[in-house]
Amino acid sequence: QVQLVESGGGLVQAGGSLRLSCAASGRTFSSTYAMGWFRQAPGKEREFVATISWSGGSTYYADSVKGRFTISRDNAKKMVYLQMNSLKPEDTAVYYCAAGSGTYRNILPREYNYWGQGTQVTVSS
């Protein structure tokens, strides 16, 4: 089994920053997994935010966050991060960490095998 635990969410004013962390564990977790961050706002479907290849050498971002968010990973620590700058009220959502055995170019939630419980990010105007 694979466990993913997110942390770092909270309440921040527009223009502020937050750093989300995702800790991975479990006997079957592989550092070769692609990792991703997704988010879900009330009444909306879960959407892709950013993904990163197993090596960390390749990343992919949703247009809505490009230039503001940065995804990174530390395989030695089994950690994935999402640095979020210049936050906007429309970034308000529950943010989920996901792991999958496919390519980092996968952006559909169904393409990821494992999920964390989510962390709330609220951006006030």
C-alpha atoms as a PDB file:
ATOM      1  CA  GLN A   1       0.000   0.000   0.000  1.00  0.00           C
ATOM      2  CA  VAL A   2       0.961   3.638  -0.497  1.00  0.00           C
ATOM      3  CA  GLN A   3       0.088   6.453   1.861  1.00  0.00           C
ATOM      4  CA  LEU A   4       0.225  10.121   0.975  1.00  0.00           C
ATOM      5  CA  VAL A   5      -0.179  12.835   3.594  1.00  0.00           C
ATOM      6  CA  GLU A   6      -0.476  16.500   2.654  1.00  0.00           C
ATOM      7  CA  SER A   7       0.289  19.453   4.903  1.00  0.00           C
ATOM      8  CA  GLY A   8       0.854  23.178   4.670  1.00  0.00           C
ATOM      9  CA  GLY A   9      -2.579  24.449   3.746  1.00  0.00           C
ATOM     10  CA  GLY A  10      -4.194  27.408   5.436  1.00  0.00           C
ATOM     11  CA  LEU A  11      -5.700  30.852   5.080  1.00  0.00           C
ATOM     12  CA  VAL A  12      -3.738  33.505   3.207  1.00  0.00           C
ATOM     13  CA  GLN A  13      -4.484  36.898   1.693  1.00  0.00           C
ATOM     14  CA  ALA A  14      -4.470  37.418  -2.050  1.00  0.00           C
ATOM     15  CA  GLY A  15      -0.917  37.914  -3.270  1.00  0.00           C
ATOM     16  CA  GLY A  16       0.504  35.763  -0.497  1.00  0.00           C
ATOM     17  CA  SER A  17       2.346  32.449  -0.603  1.00  0.00           C
ATOM     18  CA  LEU A  18       1.985  28.946   0.775  1.00  0.00           C
ATOM     19  CA  ARG A  19       4.086  25.826   0.482  1.00  0.00           C
ATOM     20  CA  LEU A  20       2.314  22.487   0.439  1.00  0.00           C
ATOM     21  CA  SER A  21       4.120  19.283   1.319  1.00  0.00           C
ATOM     22  CA  CYS A  22       3.259  15.667   0.590  1.00  0.00           C
ATOM     23  CA  ALA A  23       4.894  12.819   2.485  1.00  0.00           C
ATOM     24  CA  ALA A  24       4.834   9.420   0.804  1.00  0.00           C
ATOM     25  CA  SER A  25       5.231   6.086   2.552  1.00  0.00           C
ATOM     26  CA  GLY A  26       4.351   2.456   2.188  1.00  0.00           C
ATOM     27  CA  ARG A  27       5.994  -0.752   1.126  1.00  0.00           C
ATOM     28  CA  THR A  28       4.908  -0.446  -2.484  1.00  0.00           C
ATOM     29  CA  PHE A  29       5.709   3.231  -2.990  1.00  0.00           C
ATOM     30  CA  SER A  30       8.249   3.677  -5.721  1.00  0.00           C
ATOM     31  CA  SER A  31      10.363   6.740  -6.350  1.00  0.00           C
ATOM     32  CA  THR A  32       9.728   6.017 -10.020  1.00  0.00           C
ATOM     33  CA  TYR A  33       6.127   7.164  -9.623  1.00  0.00           C
ATOM     34  CA  ALA A  34       5.048  10.376 -11.263  1.00  0.00           C
ATOM     35  CA  MET A  35       3.600  12.734  -8.675  1.00  0.00           C
ATOM     36  CA  GLY A  36       0.961  15.385  -9.033  1.00  0.00           C
ATOM     37  CA  TRP A  37      -1.043  18.040  -7.280  1.00  0.00           C
ATOM     38  CA  PHE A  38      -4.725  18.411  -7.982  1.00  0.00           C
ATOM     39  CA  ARG A  39      -7.378  20.647  -6.445  1.00  0.00           C
ATOM     40  CA  GLN A  40     -11.104  20.650  -5.975  1.00  0.00           C
ATOM     41  CA  ALA A  41     -13.235  23.687  -5.224  1.00  0.00           C
ATOM     42  CA  PRO A  42     -16.777  23.383  -3.827  1.00  0.00           C
ATOM     43  CA  GLY A  43     -19.202  22.293  -6.516  1.00  0.00           C
ATOM     44  CA  LYS A  44     -16.453  21.686  -9.056  1.00  0.00           C
ATOM     45  CA  GLU A  45     -14.636  18.660 -10.362  1.00  0.00           C
ATOM     46  CA  ARG A  46     -11.130  17.802  -9.264  1.00  0.00           C
ATOM     47  CA  GLU A  47      -8.631  19.451 -11.589  1.00  0.00           C
ATOM     48  CA  PHE A  48      -4.982  19.110 -12.471  1.00  0.00           C
ATOM     49  CA  VAL A  49      -2.585  21.685 -11.032  1.00  0.00           C
ATOM     50  CA  ALA A  50       0.943  20.369 -11.583  1.00  0.00           C
ATOM     51  CA  THR A  51       2.836  17.133 -12.136  1.00  0.00           C
ATOM     52  CA  ILE A  52       6.452  16.058 -11.927  1.00  0.00           C
ATOM     53  CA  SER A  53       8.366  13.144 -13.387  1.00  0.00           C
ATOM     54  CA  TRP A  54       9.988  10.514 -11.209  1.00  0.00           C
ATOM     55  CA  SER A  55      13.407  12.121 -11.602  1.00  0.00           C
ATOM     56  CA  GLY A  56      12.125  15.634 -10.995  1.00  0.00           C
ATOM     57  CA  GLY A  57      13.581  16.700 -14.302  1.00  0.00           C
ATOM     58  CA  SER A  58      10.270  17.327 -16.017  1.00  0.00           C
ATOM     59  CA  THR A  59       7.264  19.257 -14.824  1.00  0.00           C
ATOM     60  CA  TYR A  60       3.884  20.180 -16.237  1.00  0.00           C
ATOM     61  CA  TYR A  61       1.524  22.937 -15.089  1.00  0.00           C
ATOM     62  CA  ALA A  62      -2.040  23.987 -15.644  1.00  0.00           C
ATOM     63  CA  ASP A  63      -2.214  27.286 -17.504  1.00  0.00           C
ATOM     64  CA  SER A  64      -4.009  28.849 -14.550  1.00  0.00           C
ATOM     65  CA  VAL A  65      -1.001  28.395 -12.243  1.00  0.00           C
ATOM     66  CA  LYS A  66       1.928  28.581 -14.659  1.00  0.00           C
ATOM     67  CA  GLY A  67       4.494  31.110 -13.495  1.00  0.00           C
ATOM     68  CA  ARG A  68       3.038  31.246  -9.978  1.00  0.00           C
ATOM     69  CA  PHE A  69       3.318  27.658  -8.711  1.00  0.00           C
ATOM     70  CA  THR A  70       6.378  25.393  -8.607  1.00  0.00           C
ATOM     71  CA  ILE A  71       6.313  21.641  -8.045  1.00  0.00           C
ATOM     72  CA  SER A  72       9.394  19.816  -6.784  1.00  0.00           C
ATOM     73  CA  ARG A  73      10.309  16.510  -5.193  1.00  0.00           C
ATOM     74  CA  ASP A  74      12.974  14.975  -2.971  1.00  0.00           C
ATOM     75  CA  ASN A  75      13.081  11.240  -3.616  1.00  0.00           C
ATOM     76  CA  ALA A  76      15.506  10.571  -0.777  1.00  0.00           C
ATOM     77  CA  LYS A  77      12.938  11.968   1.645  1.00  0.00           C
ATOM     78  CA  LYS A  78       9.916  10.726  -0.315  1.00  0.00           C
ATOM     79  CA  MET A  79       8.517  14.236  -0.358  1.00  0.00           C
ATOM     80  CA  VAL A  80       6.747  16.342  -2.973  1.00  0.00           C
ATOM     81  CA  TYR A  81       6.210  20.071  -2.647  1.00  0.00           C
ATOM     82  CA  LEU A  82       4.056  22.742  -4.214  1.00  0.00           C
ATOM     83  CA  GLN A  83       5.279  26.308  -3.771  1.00  0.00           C
ATOM     84  CA  MET A  84       2.378  28.661  -4.438  1.00  0.00           C
ATOM     85  CA  ASN A  85       3.071  32.362  -4.949  1.00  0.00           C
ATOM     86  CA  SER A  86       0.875  35.293  -5.945  1.00  0.00           C
ATOM     87  CA  LEU A  87      -2.170  33.433  -4.716  1.00  0.00           C
ATOM     88  CA  LYS A  88      -5.598  34.463  -5.956  1.00  0.00           C
ATOM     89  CA  PRO A  89      -9.058  33.894  -4.462  1.00  0.00           C
ATOM     90  CA  GLU A  90      -9.780  31.503  -7.328  1.00  0.00           C
ATOM     91  CA  ASP A  91      -6.986  29.256  -6.037  1.00  0.00           C
ATOM     92  CA  THR A  92      -9.186  28.440  -3.033  1.00  0.00           C
ATOM     93  CA  ALA A  93      -9.741  24.673  -2.954  1.00  0.00           C
ATOM     94  CA  VAL A  94      -8.806  21.433  -1.278  1.00  0.00           C
ATOM     95  CA  TYR A  95      -5.420  20.422  -2.653  1.00  0.00           C
ATOM     96  CA  TYR A  96      -4.605  16.749  -3.141  1.00  0.00           C
ATOM     97  CA  CYS A  97      -1.328  14.955  -3.677  1.00  0.00           C
ATOM     98  CA  ALA A  98      -1.377  11.976  -6.051  1.00  0.00           C
ATOM     99  CA  ALA A  99       1.021   9.273  -7.178  1.00  0.00           C
ATOM    100  CA  GLY A 100       0.870   7.155 -10.291  1.00  0.00           C
ATOM    101  CA  SER A 101       2.879   4.657 -12.274  1.00  0.00           C
ATOM    102  CA  GLY A 102       2.193   6.399 -15.574  1.00  0.00           C
ATOM    103  CA  THR A 103       3.795   9.391 -17.214  1.00  0.00           C
ATOM    104  CA  TYR A 104       3.968  12.826 -15.587  1.00  0.00           C
ATOM    105  CA  ARG A 105       2.033  14.064 -18.630  1.00  0.00           C
ATOM    106  CA  ASN A 106      -1.066  12.372 -17.246  1.00  0.00           C
ATOM    107  CA  ILE A 107      -3.429  15.097 -16.039  1.00  0.00           C
ATOM    108  CA  LEU A 108      -6.639  13.182 -15.421  1.00  0.00           C
ATOM    109  CA  PRO A 109      -7.370  12.140 -11.828  1.00  0.00           C
ATOM    110  CA  ARG A 110      -8.313   8.634 -12.950  1.00  0.00           C
ATOM    111  CA  GLU A 111      -4.762   8.144 -14.213  1.00  0.00           C
ATOM    112  CA  TYR A 112      -3.359   8.309 -10.669  1.00  0.00           C
ATOM    113  CA  ASN A 113      -3.390   5.312  -8.372  1.00  0.00           C
ATOM    114  CA  TYR A 114      -2.923   6.829  -4.929  1.00  0.00           C
ATOM    115  CA  TRP A 115      -4.297   9.910  -3.219  1.00  0.00           C
ATOM    116  CA  GLY A 116      -3.852  11.839  -0.011  1.00  0.00           C
ATOM    117  CA  GLN A 117      -6.685  13.127   2.131  1.00  0.00           C
ATOM    118  CA  GLY A 118      -6.260  16.728   0.975  1.00  0.00           C
ATOM    119  CA  THR A 119      -5.374  20.040   2.607  1.00  0.00           C
ATOM    120  CA  GLN A 120      -7.526  23.159   2.503  1.00  0.00           C
ATOM    121  CA  VAL A 121      -6.166  26.322   0.918  1.00  0.00           C
ATOM    122  CA  THR A 122      -8.245  29.474   1.321  1.00  0.00           C
ATOM    123  CA  VAL A 123      -7.249  32.756  -0.308  1.00  0.00           C
ATOM    124  CA  SER A 124      -9.081  35.853   0.880  1.00  0.00           C
ATOM    125  CA  SER A 125      -9.514  38.937  -1.269  1.00  0.00           C
END
